[in-house]
Amino acid sequence: MTKILFFIHDLKHGGAEKVLVNLVNNMDYEKFDITVMTLFNEGVHIKNLNKNIKYKYCFSKTFKANSKVLSMIPAKWLYKKFIKDDYDILVSYLEGSCTRIIAACPDDKVKKVAWVHIEQKENGFAYAYKGKNEAIESYKKFDSIVCVSESVKENFIQLSGIDKNVEVLFNTNESEKIIRLSKEDVENKKFKNDNELKFCGVAKVIPNKGFMRLARVHNKLIKEGYNHHIYILGIGEERQKIEAYLSKNGLDNSFVFLGFDENPYKYVARSDMFVCSSFAEGFNTAATEALIVGTPVLTTLCAGMEEMLGKNNEYGIIVENSEEGLYKGLKDVLQNPDKISYYKEKAKERGKIFSTDKTVNAVQDMFLNLLK
């Protein structure tokens, strides 16, 4: 049996954390002995790990500027301190400290895999390292570098100069479970059952997700007489700031934060359209989940979106990555609501390519081929 360690920062409510749990929960336990280790013992998804999976952690709680602090400590020391057992494959499932530590494995016989989930900028590429050179040298030690979309792959190659053993594998979604959960009743009274068009977003409420600019677009459209609702499922640091803006402009009842819900699918399935307003993405998990439940997607142009929806808007609507782009895109849908029914059928069609079996089997084949 192949022993694999998956190493990630934590198991909080982010997309990478969620798809890791989806992946390991659906792997073949007759072929793989799986351990998930987190740097910090935090996150709503810890309890969602299958009973067949061993769970370990390095620190009980996160601490301030942890990436910078850890970058000052020799990676070999950190590896020796935390990676105690023997494994056939070591997987760093997120950029940063985990990748730096796994790269320090002293045994050349152990296969190493690094996952890259998002397009990175020059200053962000080496944030968990002593410098860019250390980051590049760390990635060179991996037998496979997995990117979640072609655009993430192109970005990684451009930043690192590494083009060997770099491949693309789609994230894992639990399709059947998502569809089943989407049929549960919605009891939250904030989610209104009326005839106005409903748009929703699912993400951490942080600046990168673009919810502040989405709120400004909503305000502009409401003032122009286009009545509609926007619902956001998620928690995060920017919520208070956005809610203050909504309150100031009398939008509390039309742009609503529903908080974190372990089952966002029942809201997404009952919305007319899913909106991704992000400045940057890797391969947006929530958008793929929307397609799976048959909800059309309108998104800013981010990494992975053209692969997901087609370069010519075949399966969804991609707008310019700007506040003006979001405004024009939403206004067009509000003016032409017939587009929703068209893209609803396209969403159902596209959602089929993200089946659990397809994505899990592709990852398992990659692992087994590494060992040949």
Foldseek 3Di string as FASTA:
>chain_A
DFEEEEEEAEQADADLNVLVQLQQQPFDLVVYQYEYEHQEHDYPCPVVHDPSYHYYYNYPHDDPLVLQVLQVPQLLVVLVNPVPDDGQEYEHSEAGPSLLNQLNDPDLNRAYEYEYWWQDDLVGQQSSHPHLVSSLSSVVSHQAYEAQFPVSQVSVCVNNVDDPRYYYFHGADALVVLQVLLPDDDPPPLLDDDDAAEEEEERAPDVQQQVLLVLVLVLVCVVVPLQHAYEYEHYYDCPVVSVVVCVVSVNDSRYDYPYHDPRCSNVLLPGLAYEGLGLETRADPVQLSSLSSLHAYEYEDYHNPCVQQNPVRNQHHYFHNDSVRSNVVVVVCSVPVVVSVVNSVSSPVSSVVNHNVVRSVVVVVVVVVVND
